[in-house]
Amino acid sequence: MTVLESFIALDTLNLLALLGVVFIGLPHGAMDGALAMHFGWTSRPAIIALFLFSYIGLAGAVVLVWVFAPAVTFVVFLAISIFHFGRGDASSLGAGRTAVESLARGGLVIAGISQMHRPEVDVIFQTLVGNDTSGVWLFLNGVVLITIGCVVEAVLFKNAQERLSFVVELGVLFLLFLAVPPLVGFALYFCFVHSIRHVSSVRNTMEATVSNLSITKSTAVFSFVTWGVGLAVLAQQTSMMELDSALLRVVFIGLAALTVPHMILVDGLLHRRPAAA
């Protein structure tokens, strides 16, 4: 079977979902190059090289750890994804309230999609970490309880207007995740909720230090490089397994690898460091 025939054989919705994650959702993380400009790291070649080396090194370290401890690495990836997604969506002020809302929102995405479609998602998990997914589900069972508690607490501390917006958004996402296949639900959220909010927030933050043209050019370069590397890895993986399994592994292990340095920049430095003069 040729690669083209393998793509056609993939479930159409799942294929579209994965392609959406790669070509629509992934470029929001490719704005990290523009963040380096915002921090003033592009002023000297040595600093640029250090940034690129550190970024690529962290991503490579995640892939290496995944190879030797896939289940543990996957659980850690799910945990940081809950925080990252939730914080990107949260509107509460104050560290405590932001943390609670972040867990409520991120928990709905990660644990909600997984628990609503447990049999289908378990097949995906097996592709990513092997046949024993019990540890992953133990973690997600705990996340469900934490998410419920955080949703209740977030509703209680928000004012009337914020409460309505919060409840409506979570309700719509809940119904969406329930109605569509898991990969489709994740892709719709990742591409059209998380990524759009991230792009808007980061552009607003950088508008005084980085031009829109520089942001666009940097994002395009990082995106094309990432796509090129991903395509090369996919070609290598398809020599050892079916295309659907290879595509799942490349997309989600790649996301895990890129999320670690991306979170350090966005959830760490961006929110704590003043813009470069």
Protein backbone atom coordinates (compact mmCIF):
# COMPACT_ATOMS: atom_id res chain seq x y z
CA MET A 1 0.00 0.00 0.00
CA THR A 2 1.36 3.43 -0.96
CA VAL A 3 1.49 6.38 1.44
CA LEU A 4 -1.37 8.05 -0.49
CA GLU A 5 -3.51 4.91 -0.23
CA SER A 6 -2.77 4.75 3.51
CA PHE A 7 -3.92 8.35 3.98
CA ILE A 8 -7.13 7.62 2.10
CA ALA A 9 -7.71 4.56 4.29
CA LEU A 10 -7.53 6.65 7.46
CA ASP A 11 -10.81 7.69 8.97
CA THR A 12 -11.59 11.00 7.29
CA LEU A 13 -12.60 12.92 10.42
CA ASN A 14 -9.60 11.74 12.39
CA LEU A 15 -7.27 12.57 9.51
CA LEU A 16 -8.75 16.08 9.20
CA ALA A 17 -8.45 16.53 12.97
CA LEU A 18 -4.77 15.60 13.03
CA LEU A 19 -4.01 17.75 9.99
CA GLY A 20 -5.85 20.62 11.66
CA VAL A 21 -3.71 20.27 14.78
CA VAL A 22 -0.56 20.31 12.65
CA PHE A 23 -1.35 23.04 10.14
CA ILE A 24 -3.75 25.30 12.07
CA GLY A 25 -2.95 24.74 15.75
CA LEU A 26 0.81 24.22 15.69
CA PRO A 27 1.75 27.66 14.25
CA HIS A 28 0.56 29.34 17.47
CA GLY A 29 3.54 27.71 19.19
CA ALA A 30 5.77 28.77 16.33
CA MET A 31 5.36 32.34 17.59
CA ASP A 32 8.00 31.46 20.18
CA GLY A 33 10.63 32.85 17.82
CA ALA A 34 8.89 36.21 17.98
CA LEU A 35 8.86 35.94 21.77
CA ALA A 36 12.64 35.63 21.64
CA MET A 37 12.66 38.99 19.83
CA HIS A 38 10.32 40.42 22.46
CA PHE A 39 12.73 39.38 25.21
CA GLY A 40 15.64 40.97 23.35
CA TRP A 41 17.40 37.68 22.67
CA THR A 42 17.98 38.35 18.97
CA SER A 43 20.39 41.22 19.53
CA ARG A 44 23.48 39.00 19.37
CA PRO A 45 24.19 35.77 17.44
CA ALA A 46 25.45 34.00 20.57
CA ILE A 47 22.17 34.63 22.38
CA ILE A 48 20.14 33.48 19.39
CA ALA A 49 22.21 30.30 19.20
CA LEU A 50 21.76 29.67 22.92
CA PHE A 51 17.99 30.13 22.62
CA LEU A 52 17.72 27.74 19.67
CA PHE A 53 20.03 25.18 21.27
CA SER A 54 18.07 25.27 24.55
CA TYR A 55 14.68 25.08 22.78
CA ILE A 56 15.68 22.18 20.54
CA GLY A 57 17.53 20.48 23.39
CA LEU A 58 14.50 20.55 25.68
CA ALA A 59 12.26 19.22 22.92
CA GLY A 60 14.73 16.45 22.12
CA ALA A 61 15.04 15.54 25.80
CA VAL A 62 11.27 15.04 26.02
CA VAL A 63 11.33 12.68 23.04
CA LEU A 64 14.24 10.74 24.55
CA VAL A 65 12.52 10.38 27.93
CA TRP A 66 9.31 9.29 26.14
CA VAL A 67 11.23 6.46 24.45
CA PHE A 68 12.37 5.03 27.80
CA ALA A 69 9.34 5.88 29.98
CA PRO A 70 6.36 6.53 27.68
CA ALA A 71 3.54 6.18 30.24
CA VAL A 72 5.15 8.43 32.85
CA THR A 73 6.13 11.02 30.24
CA PHE A 74 2.62 10.98 28.79
CA VAL A 75 1.04 11.56 32.20
CA VAL A 76 3.39 14.49 32.81
CA PHE A 77 2.48 15.85 29.37
CA LEU A 78 -1.23 15.58 30.18
CA ALA A 79 -0.68 17.34 33.51
CA ILE A 80 1.18 20.30 32.03
CA SER A 81 -1.31 20.48 29.16
CA ILE A 82 -4.16 20.82 31.65
CA PHE A 83 -2.40 23.78 33.25
CA HIS A 84 -1.30 25.35 29.96
CA PHE A 85 -4.70 25.11 28.26
CA GLY A 86 -6.54 26.23 31.37
CA ARG A 87 -4.28 29.19 32.06
CA GLY A 88 -4.60 30.34 28.48
CA ASP A 89 -8.39 30.43 28.86
CA ALA A 90 -8.67 31.67 32.45
CA SER A 91 -9.85 35.21 33.11
CA SER A 92 -9.63 35.29 36.92
CA LEU A 93 -7.23 37.61 38.70
CA GLY A 94 -5.00 36.49 41.57
CA ALA A 95 -2.73 33.45 41.60
CA GLY A 96 -5.08 31.23 43.61
CA ARG A 97 -8.20 31.95 41.59
CA THR A 98 -6.31 31.71 38.31
CA ALA A 99 -4.97 28.28 39.32
CA VAL A 100 -8.45 27.03 40.24
CA GLU A 101 -9.98 28.25 36.98
CA SER A 102 -7.05 26.86 35.00
CA LEU A 103 -7.58 23.40 36.46
CA ALA A 104 -11.32 23.63 35.82
CA ARG A 105 -10.91 24.59 32.17
CA GLY A 106 -7.90 22.44 31.36
CA GLY A 107 -9.35 19.46 33.19
CA LEU A 108 -12.51 19.62 31.09
CA VAL A 109 -10.46 19.48 27.90
CA ILE A 110 -8.05 16.71 28.83
CA ALA A 111 -10.02 14.52 31.25
CA GLY A 112 -13.41 15.44 29.78
CA ILE A 113 -12.63 14.31 26.24
CA SER A 114 -10.85 11.19 27.52
CA GLN A 115 -13.60 10.04 29.89
CA MET A 116 -16.46 10.78 27.49
CA HIS A 117 -14.93 8.52 24.83
CA ARG A 118 -12.96 6.11 26.97
CA PRO A 119 -12.87 3.06 24.63
CA GLU A 120 -11.79 5.12 21.60
CA VAL A 121 -9.29 7.16 23.60
CA ASP A 122 -7.77 4.04 25.16
CA VAL A 123 -6.88 2.81 21.67
CA ILE A 124 -5.10 6.12 21.06
CA PHE A 125 -3.31 5.85 24.42
CA GLN A 126 -2.14 2.34 23.59
CA THR A 127 -0.64 3.64 20.36
CA LEU A 128 1.23 6.30 22.31
CA VAL A 129 2.41 4.42 25.43
CA GLY A 130 1.85 0.70 24.87
CA ASN A 131 -0.79 -1.76 26.01
CA ASP A 132 -0.71 -0.91 29.73
CA THR A 133 -2.64 2.35 30.06
CA SER A 134 -3.84 1.76 33.64
CA GLY A 135 -1.56 4.44 35.09
CA VAL A 136 -2.83 7.00 32.59
CA TRP A 137 -6.45 6.28 33.48
CA LEU A 138 -5.70 6.37 37.20
CA PHE A 139 -4.33 9.87 36.70
CA LEU A 140 -7.32 10.95 34.59
CA ASN A 141 -9.79 9.56 37.15
CA GLY A 142 -8.18 11.79 39.75
CA VAL A 143 -8.27 14.75 37.37
CA VAL A 144 -12.04 14.34 36.97
CA LEU A 145 -12.56 14.79 40.72
CA ILE A 146 -10.23 17.80 40.83
CA THR A 147 -11.94 19.33 37.80
CA ILE A 148 -15.42 19.02 39.31
CA GLY A 149 -14.24 20.63 42.53
CA CYS A 150 -12.50 23.46 40.69
CA VAL A 151 -15.51 24.12 38.47
CA VAL A 152 -17.73 24.46 41.53
CA GLU A 153 -15.25 26.74 43.29
CA ALA A 154 -14.72 28.89 40.19
CA VAL A 155 -18.49 29.36 39.83
CA LEU A 156 -18.75 30.44 43.46
CA PHE A 157 -16.00 33.09 43.43
CA LYS A 158 -16.86 34.71 40.07
CA ASN A 159 -19.22 37.66 39.85
CA ALA A 160 -22.54 37.26 38.06
CA GLN A 161 -21.35 38.34 34.60
CA GLU A 162 -18.14 36.30 34.70
CA ARG A 163 -20.03 33.33 36.11
CA LEU A 164 -22.49 33.29 33.20
CA SER A 165 -19.71 33.49 30.62
CA PHE A 166 -17.72 30.76 32.39
CA VAL A 167 -20.68 28.38 32.70
CA VAL A 168 -21.84 28.94 29.11
CA GLU A 169 -18.38 28.36 27.65
CA LEU A 170 -17.75 25.21 29.66
CA GLY A 171 -21.26 23.98 28.86
CA VAL A 172 -20.78 24.48 25.12
CA LEU A 173 -17.39 22.74 25.21
CA PHE A 174 -18.85 19.88 27.26
CA LEU A 175 -21.61 19.31 24.69
CA LEU A 176 -19.14 19.61 21.82
CA PHE A 177 -16.75 17.08 23.35
CA LEU A 178 -19.66 14.74 24.02
CA ALA A 179 -21.05 14.97 20.48
CA VAL A 180 -17.95 14.54 18.32
CA PRO A 181 -15.13 11.95 18.19
CA PRO A 182 -12.28 12.61 20.63
CA LEU A 183 -9.65 13.67 18.11
CA VAL A 184 -12.14 15.99 16.44
CA GLY A 185 -13.14 17.55 19.75
CA PHE A 186 -9.52 18.10 20.73
CA ALA A 187 -8.64 19.56 17.31
CA LEU A 188 -11.59 21.99 17.37
CA TYR A 189 -10.60 23.21 20.83
CA PHE A 190 -6.87 23.35 20.10
CA CYS A 191 -7.23 25.16 16.77
CA PHE A 192 -10.19 27.48 17.34
CA VAL A 193 -10.17 28.21 21.07
CA HIS A 194 -6.69 27.80 22.56
CA SER A 195 -4.64 28.82 19.51
CA ILE A 196 -6.77 31.86 18.66
CA ARG A 197 -6.67 33.12 22.24
CA HIS A 198 -2.92 32.54 22.43
CA VAL A 199 -2.20 34.38 19.18
CA SER A 200 -4.36 37.33 20.23
CA SER A 201 -2.81 37.53 23.70
CA VAL A 202 0.79 37.23 22.53
CA ARG A 203 0.34 39.73 19.70
CA ASN A 204 -1.12 42.25 22.15
CA THR A 205 1.81 41.69 24.51
CA MET A 206 4.45 42.09 21.80
CA GLU A 207 2.88 44.93 19.82
CA ALA A 208 5.20 47.55 21.35
CA THR A 209 8.42 45.55 20.84
CA VAL A 210 8.00 43.40 17.71
CA SER A 211 6.43 44.40 14.39
CA ASN A 212 3.61 42.36 12.87
CA LEU A 213 5.82 41.61 9.88
CA SER A 214 8.58 40.23 12.11
CA ILE A 215 6.06 38.12 14.03
CA THR A 216 4.65 36.72 10.78
CA LYS A 217 8.05 35.96 9.25
CA SER A 218 9.38 34.31 12.41
CA THR A 219 6.23 32.24 12.86
CA ALA A 220 6.34 31.08 9.24
CA VAL A 221 9.99 30.01 9.50
CA PHE A 222 9.44 28.08 12.74
CA SER A 223 6.29 26.46 11.32
CA PHE A 224 7.93 25.27 8.09
CA VAL A 225 10.96 23.92 9.95
CA THR A 226 8.71 22.02 12.36
CA TRP A 227 6.58 20.64 9.53
CA GLY A 228 9.70 19.54 7.67
CA VAL A 229 11.11 17.72 10.69
CA GLY A 230 7.73 16.14 11.40
CA LEU A 231 7.38 14.92 7.82
CA ALA A 232 10.85 13.35 7.93
CA VAL A 233 10.06 11.59 11.23
CA LEU A 234 6.69 10.42 9.86
CA ALA A 235 8.41 8.90 6.82
CA GLN A 236 10.81 7.07 9.13
CA GLN A 237 8.03 5.85 11.43
CA THR A 238 5.87 4.52 8.57
CA SER A 239 8.64 2.08 7.75
CA MET A 240 7.99 0.40 11.12
CA MET A 241 4.23 0.76 11.68
CA GLU A 242 0.92 1.58 10.02
CA LEU A 243 0.44 5.17 8.92
CA ASP A 244 -2.42 5.90 11.34
CA SER A 245 -0.30 4.83 14.33
CA ALA A 246 2.75 6.68 13.01
CA LEU A 247 0.75 9.87 12.45
CA LEU A 248 -0.72 9.74 15.96
CA ARG A 249 2.70 9.24 17.51
CA VAL A 250 4.40 11.98 15.51
CA VAL A 251 1.65 14.51 16.23
CA PHE A 252 1.24 13.88 19.96
CA ILE A 253 4.84 13.11 20.88
CA GLY A 254 5.81 16.14 18.82
CA LEU A 255 3.27 18.25 20.72
CA ALA A 256 4.65 17.00 24.01
CA ALA A 257 8.21 17.82 22.96
CA LEU A 258 7.32 21.35 21.85
CA THR A 259 4.99 22.08 24.76
CA VAL A 260 7.78 22.00 27.38
CA PRO A 261 9.92 24.86 25.98
CA HIS A 262 6.74 26.65 24.83
CA MET A 263 5.33 26.61 28.37
CA ILE A 264 8.59 27.87 29.84
CA LEU A 265 8.41 30.86 27.53
CA VAL A 266 4.68 31.57 27.77
CA ASP A 267 3.58 30.48 31.25
CA GLY A 268 6.92 31.27 32.83
CA LEU A 269 8.96 34.08 31.33
CA LEU A 270 6.26 35.96 29.41
CA HIS A 271 4.12 36.50 32.49
CA ARG A 272 7.01 37.36 34.78
CA ARG A 273 9.54 39.29 32.73
CA PRO A 274 9.14 42.87 31.48
CA ALA A 275 9.52 43.53 27.80
CA ALA A 276 12.95 44.37 26.45
CA ALA A 277 13.72 48.08 26.25
